[in-house]
Amino acid sequence: MRNATVTTVAPTGTISIIAGCSSGVEPIFAVAYERMVLDGEALSEMHPLFEEVAKQNGFFNKELAEQVAETGSIRQIKGIPGKIKRLFVTAHDVAPEWHVQSQAAFQKYTDNAVSKTVNFPHDATPEDVEKVYRLAYKTGCKGVTIYRYGSRDQQVLNLGRHQTSEDRETGSKPGESGIVPRVRPIRTSGVTERINTGCGKLYVTINEDEKGICEVFAQMGKTGGCASSQIEAAGRLISLALRSGVKVEAILKQISGIRCPSPIWQNGKMVLSCPDGITQVIKNYTQISTTDMPAMMGACPDCGGALEHEGGCLVCRSCGFSRCS
């Protein structure tokens, strides 16, 4: 045989969803799960054959559906016959080494590689991953893919529906601590204001959702290069902070007063830099008085925080730096 890749088991995730069938040689991901689609919308799904079998055998009810939805597996649920449990084994019910052994069984009679994912729980260790790769090599697999559940901030398939409404809105996993930005809605409303800076005309767009300001975009006329990319980076970080619940005043305190080599006057006010121009537009939009904000005089050379005038000296309230010491 001249062609070494006549047969293969290709990755068929999207195709299998469209066709409504199993995905290659994979076990089902879960009996019930949530699928994240466009714009962070979550769709709850239950395996249609399990629901059909459960109704035929008379043990399907609302309480059972809620139990299955909490873990995605039926292995530990009482009241489900053992023969049914053996039929609906999920990816996380299968031990990692048996994922590999299953792949190896197909690989033995397949010319090209076999697409297969070894599903690990969230608490898997690097040593667990190493064992799988070594076993895949030993059993003759031409490649292997592993995925540790919850290792990404957002994933397509999620186990459990016992998230709070706030968890679901922000994309957090149940019980997970930390700050996670809320999902951007499909439609926002806002304004765009032009302000002159030493680098050129800066166009700043401020958008709101039902909870307030959620994003800030800034674009520098026709200028490209580092200036444009840094302005875009500033806008993205401001937007991320806003959607994470950081107060507007706290953001302005950090970036207001940052100086560049080319300050400029506009409408009786000094625009010290592009970030300073962004803060002035935000202040105008939110009607935050400049008298409510400390006078910022650039960035601290030690920690990068904002420098303020105090007692005739420049000081940093973040780390204690002082120009006078």
Foldseek 3Di string as FASTA:
>chain_A
DPDLAPFEQDFCVPVCVVVVHDTGLAAAAFQWWWFQDPLLDTDIDGNPVLVVVCVVVPNDDPVVVQVCQAFRACPPPPPDDPVSNVVRQHLVNDAQLVQLVSLLVVVVVGRDAYDGEREAEQPDDPVSVVVNVVSNVVSPGPDYHYDYPPPDLDDGIGGHDPADPVCSQQSHDPPDDDFGFGGDDPDWDWDWDWDAFQVAIKIKTWTADPVGTQFIAIAHPPDDDPQRVVRRVLRVVVNRCVRRPNDLLVSCQFQAQAADPGWDDDPNDIQRHSSNVNSVVVCVVVVPDPVVHFNFHHADPPPRGTWGDDPNWTAGPVPTDTPVD
